[in-house]
Amino acid sequence: MSALNPVGVNTILNGPGVGRTSSPIPHQSDTIRVVAKTDGVHIAFGANPAATDLNFYVGTTGPEEISIGRPSSQRVVGVTTGTATIIDFPEGTGSPFGVGDAVTLTAPGQTNFNFTHKLVTAVDSSSGPSGYFSERITIDHDSASVTDTFDSSLHAELRGSLKFHVSGLGTAYVQQVQVS
């Protein structure tokens, strides 16, 4: 028997309907608990998911625990603004994110840099790009209007984010959980 600890917020995807997509949420756990009410649902998750009958089915007979993969985050030490945004990670570290992953930047005390659920378009792991010896990633986020100077001492974090999508007539309750 396992115990569950809720992580983050519970997401409700109300039915009936052909498909419903959640708002983006921070990826904080490797497991979700899904409860379907009234009728079963198919569920998909990711950057821009679209559930079909080929995805995981959750019936109304009880909750299901589904692995959604390892959550990823990394401290940010530099932000280059522009029509695309470049994120620098600390030297000696790598990027836990790949092209196509959705990410959210939280920069305490400098909210002009914040963005939610934007896609990684490139990962630069070449040796010493522009004299910088760590990975940089490019985000599909237009930050050209930000004129502030980024302060790396305020410990900004880039974290993976995801959405849930359900198809079917039922209502789904989705909660990230820790399983012990």
N, C-alpha and C. Protein backbone atom coordinates (compact mmCIF):
# COMPACT_ATOMS: atom_id res chain seq x y z
N MET A 1 0.84 -1.18 0.00
CA MET A 1 0.00 0.00 0.00
C MET A 1 0.89 1.24 0.00
N SER A 2 0.54 2.23 -0.81
CA SER A 2 1.34 3.44 -0.89
C SER A 2 0.56 4.63 -0.34
N ALA A 3 1.31 5.63 0.11
CA ALA A 3 0.72 6.88 0.59
C ALA A 3 0.99 7.96 -0.45
N LEU A 4 0.06 8.89 -0.60
CA LEU A 4 0.18 9.96 -1.57
C LEU A 4 0.28 11.30 -0.87
N ASN A 5 1.15 12.16 -1.37
CA ASN A 5 1.27 13.51 -0.88
C ASN A 5 0.97 14.45 -2.04
N PRO A 6 -0.06 15.31 -1.95
CA PRO A 6 -0.38 16.20 -3.06
C PRO A 6 0.73 17.22 -3.28
N VAL A 7 0.96 17.55 -4.55
CA VAL A 7 1.96 18.53 -4.95
C VAL A 7 1.27 19.53 -5.86
N GLY A 8 1.41 20.80 -5.58
CA GLY A 8 0.80 21.82 -6.44
C GLY A 8 -0.71 21.83 -6.32
N VAL A 9 -1.36 22.29 -7.37
CA VAL A 9 -2.80 22.47 -7.36
C VAL A 9 -3.51 21.32 -8.06
N ASN A 10 -4.74 21.06 -7.65
CA ASN A 10 -5.60 20.08 -8.31
C ASN A 10 -6.18 20.75 -9.56
N THR A 11 -6.16 20.06 -10.67
CA THR A 11 -6.68 20.59 -11.92
C THR A 11 -7.96 19.84 -12.26
N ILE A 12 -9.01 20.59 -12.55
CA ILE A 12 -10.29 19.99 -12.91
C ILE A 12 -10.57 20.29 -14.38
N LEU A 13 -10.78 19.23 -15.14
CA LEU A 13 -11.13 19.37 -16.56
C LEU A 13 -12.56 18.87 -16.71
N ASN A 14 -13.49 19.83 -16.73
CA ASN A 14 -14.92 19.53 -16.72
C ASN A 14 -15.41 19.01 -18.05
N GLY A 15 -16.30 18.03 -17.98
CA GLY A 15 -16.95 17.47 -19.16
C GLY A 15 -18.37 17.99 -19.21
N PRO A 16 -19.17 17.59 -20.14
CA PRO A 16 -18.73 16.82 -21.30
C PRO A 16 -18.14 17.73 -22.36
N GLY A 17 -17.41 17.13 -23.25
CA GLY A 17 -16.81 17.88 -24.34
C GLY A 17 -15.88 16.99 -25.13
N VAL A 18 -15.55 17.42 -26.31
CA VAL A 18 -14.66 16.65 -27.16
C VAL A 18 -13.26 16.61 -26.56
N GLY A 19 -12.79 17.72 -26.03
CA GLY A 19 -11.48 17.76 -25.41
C GLY A 19 -11.32 19.02 -24.59
N ARG A 20 -10.62 18.90 -23.50
CA ARG A 20 -10.36 20.04 -22.63
C ARG A 20 -8.89 20.05 -22.27
N THR A 21 -8.29 21.25 -22.30
CA THR A 21 -6.88 21.40 -21.98
C THR A 21 -6.74 22.29 -20.76
N SER A 22 -5.86 21.88 -19.85
CA SER A 22 -5.61 22.67 -18.65
C SER A 22 -4.74 23.88 -18.96
N SER A 23 -4.70 24.79 -18.03
CA SER A 23 -3.70 25.85 -18.07
C SER A 23 -2.34 25.23 -17.79
N PRO A 24 -1.25 25.89 -18.17
CA PRO A 24 0.07 25.33 -17.85
C PRO A 24 0.31 25.31 -16.35
N ILE A 25 0.98 24.27 -15.89
CA ILE A 25 1.35 24.17 -14.48
C ILE A 25 2.82 23.78 -14.37
N PRO A 26 3.48 24.15 -13.27
CA PRO A 26 4.87 23.72 -13.09
C PRO A 26 4.94 22.21 -12.90
N HIS A 27 5.90 21.59 -13.55
CA HIS A 27 6.12 20.14 -13.41
C HIS A 27 6.93 19.93 -12.13
N GLN A 28 6.27 19.39 -11.08
CA GLN A 28 6.89 19.29 -9.76
C GLN A 28 7.01 17.87 -9.23
N SER A 29 6.42 16.91 -9.90
CA SER A 29 6.44 15.54 -9.42
C SER A 29 6.50 14.60 -10.62
N ASP A 30 6.86 13.34 -10.38
CA ASP A 30 6.93 12.40 -11.49
C ASP A 30 5.65 11.59 -11.69
N THR A 31 4.63 11.86 -10.87
CA THR A 31 3.39 11.07 -10.92
C THR A 31 2.17 11.98 -10.80
N ILE A 32 1.13 11.63 -11.57
CA ILE A 32 -0.16 12.30 -11.39
C ILE A 32 -1.18 11.25 -10.94
N ARG A 33 -2.16 11.73 -10.20
CA ARG A 33 -3.31 10.91 -9.81
C ARG A 33 -4.49 11.48 -10.57
N VAL A 34 -5.19 10.61 -11.29
CA VAL A 34 -6.33 11.05 -12.11
C VAL A 34 -7.57 10.32 -11.64
N VAL A 35 -8.62 11.09 -11.39
CA VAL A 35 -9.93 10.54 -11.03
C VAL A 35 -10.91 11.00 -12.09
N ALA A 36 -11.64 10.06 -12.69
CA ALA A 36 -12.66 10.38 -13.70
C ALA A 36 -14.04 10.21 -13.07
N LYS A 37 -14.89 11.18 -13.30
CA LYS A 37 -16.26 11.14 -12.78
C LYS A 37 -17.24 11.11 -13.94
N THR A 38 -18.37 10.48 -13.73
CA THR A 38 -19.48 10.38 -14.67
C THR A 38 -19.18 9.43 -15.82
N ASP A 39 -18.04 9.62 -16.48
CA ASP A 39 -17.66 8.78 -17.61
C ASP A 39 -16.14 8.76 -17.69
N GLY A 40 -15.57 7.76 -18.32
CA GLY A 40 -14.13 7.66 -18.45
C GLY A 40 -13.57 8.70 -19.40
N VAL A 41 -12.25 8.92 -19.30
CA VAL A 41 -11.57 9.89 -20.16
C VAL A 41 -10.24 9.31 -20.63
N HIS A 42 -9.75 9.81 -21.75
CA HIS A 42 -8.39 9.56 -22.19
C HIS A 42 -7.59 10.80 -21.82
N ILE A 43 -6.36 10.63 -21.33
CA ILE A 43 -5.57 11.76 -20.89
C ILE A 43 -4.19 11.75 -21.55
N ALA A 44 -3.73 12.94 -21.93
CA ALA A 44 -2.39 13.15 -22.45
C ALA A 44 -1.79 14.33 -21.70
N PHE A 45 -0.47 14.40 -21.68
CA PHE A 45 0.20 15.50 -21.00
C PHE A 45 1.46 15.87 -21.79
N GLY A 46 1.91 17.10 -21.61
CA GLY A 46 3.11 17.57 -22.30
C GLY A 46 3.02 19.05 -22.58
N ALA A 47 3.84 19.52 -23.53
CA ALA A 47 3.87 20.93 -23.86
C ALA A 47 2.55 21.40 -24.47
N ASN A 48 2.05 20.66 -25.44
CA ASN A 48 0.77 20.97 -26.09
C ASN A 48 0.07 19.65 -26.43
N PRO A 49 -0.45 18.96 -25.42
CA PRO A 49 -1.00 17.62 -25.63
C PRO A 49 -2.36 17.62 -26.31
N ALA A 50 -2.67 16.51 -26.94
CA ALA A 50 -3.98 16.29 -27.56
C ALA A 50 -4.34 14.82 -27.33
N ALA A 51 -5.24 14.55 -26.39
CA ALA A 51 -5.61 13.18 -26.05
C ALA A 51 -6.53 12.58 -27.11
N THR A 52 -6.25 11.32 -27.44
CA THR A 52 -7.10 10.55 -28.35
C THR A 52 -7.35 9.20 -27.70
N ASP A 53 -8.04 8.34 -28.40
CA ASP A 53 -8.30 7.01 -27.85
C ASP A 53 -7.03 6.16 -27.80
N LEU A 54 -5.92 6.67 -28.30
CA LEU A 54 -4.64 5.97 -28.21
C LEU A 54 -3.88 6.30 -26.92
N ASN A 55 -4.38 7.29 -26.16
CA ASN A 55 -3.72 7.69 -24.91
C ASN A 55 -4.28 6.91 -23.72
N PHE A 56 -3.69 7.14 -22.56
CA PHE A 56 -4.07 6.44 -21.34
C PHE A 56 -5.55 6.66 -21.04
N TYR A 57 -6.26 5.56 -20.76
CA TYR A 57 -7.68 5.63 -20.43
C TYR A 57 -7.85 5.53 -18.92
N VAL A 58 -8.67 6.41 -18.35
CA VAL A 58 -9.00 6.36 -16.93
C VAL A 58 -10.50 6.17 -16.82
N GLY A 59 -10.90 5.04 -16.26
CA GLY A 59 -12.32 4.75 -16.06
C GLY A 59 -12.82 5.33 -14.76
N THR A 60 -14.08 5.08 -14.47
CA THR A 60 -14.72 5.63 -13.27
C THR A 60 -14.66 4.67 -12.09
N THR A 61 -13.97 3.54 -12.23
CA THR A 61 -13.95 2.55 -11.14
C THR A 61 -12.95 2.89 -10.04
N GLY A 62 -12.11 3.87 -10.26
CA GLY A 62 -11.14 4.26 -9.23
C GLY A 62 -10.06 5.14 -9.81
N PRO A 63 -9.27 5.75 -8.94
CA PRO A 63 -8.20 6.63 -9.41
C PRO A 63 -7.06 5.83 -10.06
N GLU A 64 -6.32 6.51 -10.93
CA GLU A 64 -5.14 5.94 -11.57
C GLU A 64 -3.94 6.82 -11.25
N GLU A 65 -2.80 6.21 -11.03
CA GLU A 65 -1.55 6.94 -10.87
C GLU A 65 -0.72 6.70 -12.12
N ILE A 66 -0.32 7.80 -12.77
CA ILE A 66 0.36 7.74 -14.06
C ILE A 66 1.70 8.46 -13.95
N SER A 67 2.75 7.84 -14.45
CA SER A 67 4.07 8.48 -14.48
C SER A 67 4.08 9.55 -15.56
N ILE A 68 4.55 10.75 -15.21
CA ILE A 68 4.66 11.83 -16.19
C ILE A 68 6.11 12.24 -16.42
N GLY A 69 7.04 11.43 -15.94
CA GLY A 69 8.46 11.71 -16.15
C GLY A 69 9.05 12.59 -15.07
N ARG A 70 10.35 12.65 -15.08
CA ARG A 70 11.09 13.39 -14.06
C ARG A 70 10.91 14.89 -14.24
N PRO A 71 10.58 15.60 -13.16
CA PRO A 71 10.52 17.06 -13.26
C PRO A 71 11.94 17.63 -13.37
N SER A 72 12.07 18.75 -14.07
CA SER A 72 13.38 19.37 -14.27
C SER A 72 13.33 20.85 -13.93
N SER A 73 14.41 21.32 -13.34
CA SER A 73 14.56 22.75 -13.09
C SER A 73 16.05 23.06 -13.03
N GLN A 74 16.37 24.34 -13.20
CA GLN A 74 17.77 24.77 -13.15
C GLN A 74 17.82 26.24 -12.80
N ARG A 75 18.82 26.61 -12.02
CA ARG A 75 19.06 28.02 -11.69
C ARG A 75 19.47 28.74 -12.97
N VAL A 76 19.04 29.99 -13.09
CA VAL A 76 19.37 30.81 -14.25
C VAL A 76 20.33 31.90 -13.80
N VAL A 77 21.45 32.06 -14.54
CA VAL A 77 22.44 33.09 -14.18
C VAL A 77 22.52 34.20 -15.22
N GLY A 78 21.82 34.04 -16.33
CA GLY A 78 21.84 35.10 -17.33
C GLY A 78 20.65 35.00 -18.25
N VAL A 79 20.14 36.16 -18.65
CA VAL A 79 19.04 36.24 -19.61
C VAL A 79 19.41 37.29 -20.65
N THR A 80 19.39 36.88 -21.91
CA THR A 80 19.59 37.81 -23.01
C THR A 80 18.24 38.00 -23.67
N THR A 81 17.76 39.25 -23.64
CA THR A 81 16.43 39.54 -24.17
C THR A 81 16.49 39.78 -25.68
N GLY A 82 15.35 39.65 -26.30
CA GLY A 82 15.23 39.87 -27.74
C GLY A 82 13.96 39.23 -28.25
N THR A 83 13.83 39.08 -29.55
CA THR A 83 12.64 38.45 -30.12
C THR A 83 12.58 36.97 -29.73
N ALA A 84 13.73 36.40 -29.43
CA ALA A 84 13.83 35.11 -28.76
C ALA A 84 14.66 35.37 -27.50
N THR A 85 14.45 34.60 -26.47
CA THR A 85 15.14 34.82 -25.19
C THR A 85 16.19 33.74 -25.00
N ILE A 86 17.40 34.14 -24.62
CA ILE A 86 18.48 33.19 -24.37
C ILE A 86 18.68 33.09 -22.86
N ILE A 87 18.71 31.86 -22.37
CA ILE A 87 18.87 31.58 -20.94
C ILE A 87 20.24 30.94 -20.73
N ASP A 88 21.00 31.50 -19.77
CA ASP A 88 22.30 30.95 -19.40
C ASP A 88 22.19 30.23 -18.07
N PHE A 89 22.80 29.05 -18.00
CA PHE A 89 22.85 28.27 -16.76
C PHE A 89 24.23 28.42 -16.12
N PRO A 90 24.36 28.09 -14.84
CA PRO A 90 25.68 28.21 -14.19
C PRO A 90 26.74 27.39 -14.90
N GLU A 91 27.98 27.92 -14.91
CA GLU A 91 29.08 27.18 -15.52
C GLU A 91 29.24 25.84 -14.84
N GLY A 92 29.57 24.85 -15.65
CA GLY A 92 29.77 23.50 -15.12
C GLY A 92 28.49 22.70 -15.01
N THR A 93 27.38 23.29 -15.40
CA THR A 93 26.11 22.56 -15.38
C THR A 93 25.62 22.41 -16.81
N GLY A 94 24.63 21.59 -16.98
CA GLY A 94 24.04 21.41 -18.29
C GLY A 94 22.58 21.83 -18.26
N SER A 95 21.95 21.66 -19.39
CA SER A 95 20.53 21.96 -19.49
C SER A 95 19.73 20.68 -19.30
N PRO A 96 18.79 20.67 -18.36
CA PRO A 96 17.91 19.51 -18.25
C PRO A 96 16.78 19.54 -19.28
N PHE A 97 16.76 20.58 -20.12
CA PHE A 97 15.68 20.78 -21.09
C PHE A 97 16.19 20.53 -22.50
N GLY A 98 15.31 20.02 -23.32
CA GLY A 98 15.62 19.79 -24.72
C GLY A 98 14.68 20.56 -25.62
N VAL A 99 15.00 20.59 -26.90
CA VAL A 99 14.16 21.27 -27.88
C VAL A 99 12.74 20.67 -27.82
N GLY A 100 11.75 21.54 -27.76
CA GLY A 100 10.35 21.11 -27.70
C GLY A 100 9.78 21.07 -26.29
N ASP A 101 10.65 21.12 -25.26
CA ASP A 101 10.15 21.16 -23.89
C ASP A 101 9.54 22.53 -23.61
N ALA A 102 8.53 22.56 -22.77
CA ALA A 102 7.93 23.82 -22.33
C ALA A 102 8.54 24.17 -20.97
N VAL A 103 8.84 25.46 -20.78
CA VAL A 103 9.48 25.93 -19.56
C VAL A 103 8.84 27.22 -19.06
N THR A 104 9.01 27.46 -17.76
CA THR A 104 8.51 28.66 -17.11
C THR A 104 9.64 29.29 -16.32
N LEU A 105 9.85 30.59 -16.47
CA LEU A 105 10.89 31.30 -15.74
C LEU A 105 10.26 32.09 -14.61
N THR A 106 10.80 31.88 -13.41
CA THR A 106 10.39 32.66 -12.24
C THR A 106 11.62 33.40 -11.74
N ALA A 107 11.57 34.73 -11.80
CA ALA A 107 12.69 35.58 -11.40
C ALA A 107 12.25 36.49 -10.26
N PRO A 108 12.41 36.03 -9.01
CA PRO A 108 11.98 36.85 -7.87
C PRO A 108 12.62 38.23 -7.88
N GLY A 109 11.82 39.25 -7.62
CA GLY A 109 12.32 40.62 -7.56
C GLY A 109 12.58 41.25 -8.92
N GLN A 110 12.34 40.52 -9.98
CA GLN A 110 12.55 41.05 -11.34
C GLN A 110 11.55 40.42 -12.29
N THR A 111 10.29 40.65 -11.97
CA THR A 111 9.19 39.97 -12.66
C THR A 111 9.08 40.31 -14.14
N ASN A 112 9.75 41.36 -14.62
CA ASN A 112 9.72 41.65 -16.06
C ASN A 112 10.31 40.51 -16.88
N PHE A 113 11.17 39.70 -16.25
CA PHE A 113 11.78 38.59 -16.95
C PHE A 113 10.91 37.33 -16.94
N ASN A 114 9.91 37.27 -16.07
CA ASN A 114 9.08 36.07 -15.94
C ASN A 114 8.34 35.75 -17.24
N PHE A 115 8.20 34.46 -17.52
CA PHE A 115 7.32 34.01 -18.59
C PHE A 115 6.80 32.63 -18.20
N THR A 116 5.70 32.24 -18.84
CA THR A 116 5.05 30.97 -18.52
C THR A 116 4.87 30.13 -19.78
N HIS A 117 5.29 28.88 -19.69
CA HIS A 117 5.02 27.83 -20.68
C HIS A 117 5.42 28.24 -22.10
N LYS A 118 6.70 28.49 -22.27
CA LYS A 118 7.26 28.80 -23.59
C LYS A 118 8.15 27.64 -24.02
N LEU A 119 8.28 27.43 -25.32
CA LEU A 119 9.01 26.28 -25.84
C LEU A 119 10.50 26.56 -26.04
N VAL A 120 11.31 25.55 -25.71
CA VAL A 120 12.74 25.58 -25.99
C VAL A 120 12.92 25.32 -27.48
N THR A 121 13.65 26.22 -28.17
CA THR A 121 13.85 26.06 -29.61
C THR A 121 15.27 25.63 -29.97
N ALA A 122 16.22 25.82 -29.04
CA ALA A 122 17.61 25.41 -29.32
C ALA A 122 18.36 25.22 -28.01
N VAL A 123 19.32 24.30 -28.04
CA VAL A 123 20.23 24.07 -26.92
C VAL A 123 21.64 24.19 -27.47
N ASP A 124 22.42 25.13 -26.90
CA ASP A 124 23.79 25.35 -27.35
C ASP A 124 24.74 24.77 -26.32
N SER A 125 25.37 23.65 -26.65
CA SER A 125 26.32 23.03 -25.74
C SER A 125 27.72 23.03 -26.33
N SER A 126 27.97 23.98 -27.25
CA SER A 126 29.30 24.09 -27.83
C SER A 126 30.27 24.60 -26.77
N SER A 127 31.53 24.40 -27.01
CA SER A 127 32.56 24.77 -26.05
C SER A 127 32.76 26.28 -26.05
N GLY A 128 32.47 26.90 -24.93
CA GLY A 128 32.73 28.32 -24.74
C GLY A 128 32.01 29.27 -25.65
N PRO A 129 30.65 29.12 -25.84
CA PRO A 129 29.95 30.09 -26.68
C PRO A 129 30.05 31.49 -26.08
N SER A 130 30.59 32.42 -26.82
CA SER A 130 30.77 33.82 -26.39
C SER A 130 31.55 33.90 -25.08
N GLY A 131 32.51 33.01 -24.88
CA GLY A 131 33.32 33.02 -23.67
C GLY A 131 32.63 32.42 -22.46
N TYR A 132 31.53 31.75 -22.68
CA TYR A 132 30.72 31.20 -21.59
C TYR A 132 30.80 29.68 -21.64
N PHE A 133 31.18 29.06 -20.53
CA PHE A 133 31.45 27.62 -20.53
C PHE A 133 30.35 26.83 -19.85
N SER A 134 29.18 26.92 -20.35
CA SER A 134 28.05 26.11 -19.92
C SER A 134 27.02 26.14 -21.02
N GLU A 135 25.93 25.41 -20.83
CA GLU A 135 24.92 25.39 -21.86
C GLU A 135 24.03 26.62 -21.80
N ARG A 136 23.58 27.01 -22.97
CA ARG A 136 22.61 28.08 -23.14
C ARG A 136 21.45 27.49 -23.92
N ILE A 137 20.27 27.98 -23.63
CA ILE A 137 19.12 27.54 -24.41
C ILE A 137 18.38 28.77 -24.94
N THR A 138 17.72 28.57 -26.05
CA THR A 138 16.91 29.63 -26.66
C THR A 138 15.45 29.27 -26.47
N ILE A 139 14.69 30.28 -26.05
CA ILE A 139 13.27 30.11 -25.76
C ILE A 139 12.45 30.93 -26.75
N ASP A 140 11.36 30.37 -27.22
CA ASP A 140 10.44 31.06 -28.12
C ASP A 140 9.60 32.04 -27.29
N HIS A 141 10.26 33.09 -26.83
CA HIS A 141 9.61 34.11 -26.01
C HIS A 141 10.17 35.47 -26.40
N ASP A 142 9.31 36.38 -26.80
CA ASP A 142 9.73 37.72 -27.19
C ASP A 142 9.86 38.58 -25.93
N SER A 143 11.09 38.84 -25.55
CA SER A 143 11.37 39.66 -24.36
C SER A 143 12.03 40.98 -24.76
N ALA A 144 11.90 41.38 -26.01
CA ALA A 144 12.56 42.58 -26.51
C ALA A 144 12.17 43.84 -25.76
N SER A 145 10.97 43.86 -25.17
CA SER A 145 10.53 45.06 -24.45
C SER A 145 11.13 45.17 -23.05
N VAL A 146 11.81 44.12 -22.57
CA VAL A 146 12.42 44.16 -21.24
C VAL A 146 13.76 44.88 -21.35
N THR A 147 13.88 46.00 -20.64
CA THR A 147 15.11 46.79 -20.69
C THR A 147 15.89 46.72 -19.38
N ASP A 148 15.38 46.00 -18.38
CA ASP A 148 16.07 45.87 -17.10
C ASP A 148 17.34 45.05 -17.27
N THR A 149 18.22 45.13 -16.28
CA THR A 149 19.41 44.29 -16.24
C THR A 149 19.11 43.11 -15.33
N PHE A 150 19.37 41.91 -15.82
CA PHE A 150 19.10 40.70 -15.05
C PHE A 150 20.10 40.57 -13.91
N ASP A 151 19.62 40.28 -12.71
CA ASP A 151 20.46 40.12 -11.51
C ASP A 151 20.48 38.64 -11.12
N SER A 152 21.59 37.97 -11.40
CA SER A 152 21.68 36.53 -11.13
C SER A 152 21.73 36.21 -9.64
N SER A 153 22.02 37.19 -8.79
CA SER A 153 22.09 36.92 -7.35
C SER A 153 20.71 36.71 -6.73
N LEU A 154 19.64 36.98 -7.48
CA LEU A 154 18.28 36.82 -6.95
C LEU A 154 17.71 35.42 -7.18
N HIS A 155 18.52 34.52 -7.71
CA HIS A 155 18.20 33.10 -7.84
C HIS A 155 16.92 32.80 -8.64
N ALA A 156 16.94 33.20 -9.88
CA ALA A 156 15.84 32.87 -10.80
C ALA A 156 15.89 31.38 -11.12
N GLU A 157 14.72 30.81 -11.40
CA GLU A 157 14.62 29.38 -11.70
C GLU A 157 13.85 29.16 -12.99
N LEU A 158 14.39 28.28 -13.82
CA LEU A 158 13.67 27.82 -15.01
C LEU A 158 13.19 26.41 -14.69
N ARG A 159 11.89 26.18 -14.84
CA ARG A 159 11.30 24.88 -14.50
C ARG A 159 10.45 24.40 -15.67
N GLY A 160 10.47 23.10 -15.88
CA GLY A 160 9.60 22.52 -16.88
C GLY A 160 8.14 22.77 -16.52
N SER A 161 7.31 22.93 -17.54
CA SER A 161 5.88 23.09 -17.30
C SER A 161 5.14 22.18 -18.28
N LEU A 162 3.91 21.89 -17.95
CA LEU A 162 3.12 21.01 -18.80
C LEU A 162 1.65 21.34 -18.71
N LYS A 163 0.92 20.77 -19.66
CA LYS A 163 -0.53 20.88 -19.69
C LYS A 163 -1.10 19.47 -19.72
N PHE A 164 -2.34 19.35 -19.31
CA PHE A 164 -3.08 18.10 -19.41
C PHE A 164 -4.22 18.30 -20.40
N HIS A 165 -4.53 17.26 -21.15
CA HIS A 165 -5.66 17.31 -22.08
C HIS A 165 -6.43 16.02 -21.93
N VAL A 166 -7.74 16.13 -21.81
CA VAL A 166 -8.58 14.94 -21.73
C VAL A 166 -9.61 14.98 -22.85
N SER A 167 -9.96 13.78 -23.32
CA SER A 167 -11.05 13.64 -24.27
C SER A 167 -12.03 12.63 -23.69
N GLY A 168 -13.26 12.76 -24.04
CA GLY A 168 -14.30 11.91 -23.50
C GLY A 168 -15.38 12.75 -22.84
N LEU A 169 -16.39 12.10 -22.30
CA LEU A 169 -17.53 12.83 -21.75
C LEU A 169 -17.40 13.14 -20.27
N GLY A 170 -16.50 12.49 -19.58
CA GLY A 170 -16.39 12.65 -18.13
C GLY A 170 -15.62 13.87 -17.71
N THR A 171 -15.66 14.15 -16.42
CA THR A 171 -14.86 15.18 -15.78
C THR A 171 -13.64 14.50 -15.18
N ALA A 172 -12.47 15.09 -15.35
CA ALA A 172 -11.25 14.52 -14.79
C ALA A 172 -10.67 15.47 -13.75
N TYR A 173 -10.21 14.89 -12.66
CA TYR A 173 -9.49 15.60 -11.61
C TYR A 173 -8.05 15.10 -11.68
N VAL A 174 -7.11 16.02 -11.89
CA VAL A 174 -5.72 15.66 -12.07
C VAL A 174 -4.89 16.35 -10.99
N GLN A 175 -4.07 15.59 -10.27
CA GLN A 175 -3.26 16.13 -9.19
C GLN A 175 -1.87 15.51 -9.26
N GLN A 176 -0.83 16.34 -9.26
CA GLN A 176 0.52 15.80 -9.11
C GLN A 176 0.67 15.30 -7.69
N VAL A 177 1.30 14.15 -7.53
CA VAL A 177 1.47 13.56 -6.21
C VAL A 177 2.88 12.98 -6.07
N GLN A 178 3.29 12.87 -4.81
CA GLN A 178 4.48 12.10 -4.46
C GLN A 178 3.97 10.78 -3.90
N VAL A 179 4.53 9.70 -4.35
CA VAL A 179 4.11 8.38 -3.91
C VAL A 179 5.19 7.81 -2.98
N SER A 180 4.75 7.37 -1.79
CA SER A 180 5.73 6.77 -0.87
C SER A 180 5.23 5.43 -0.37
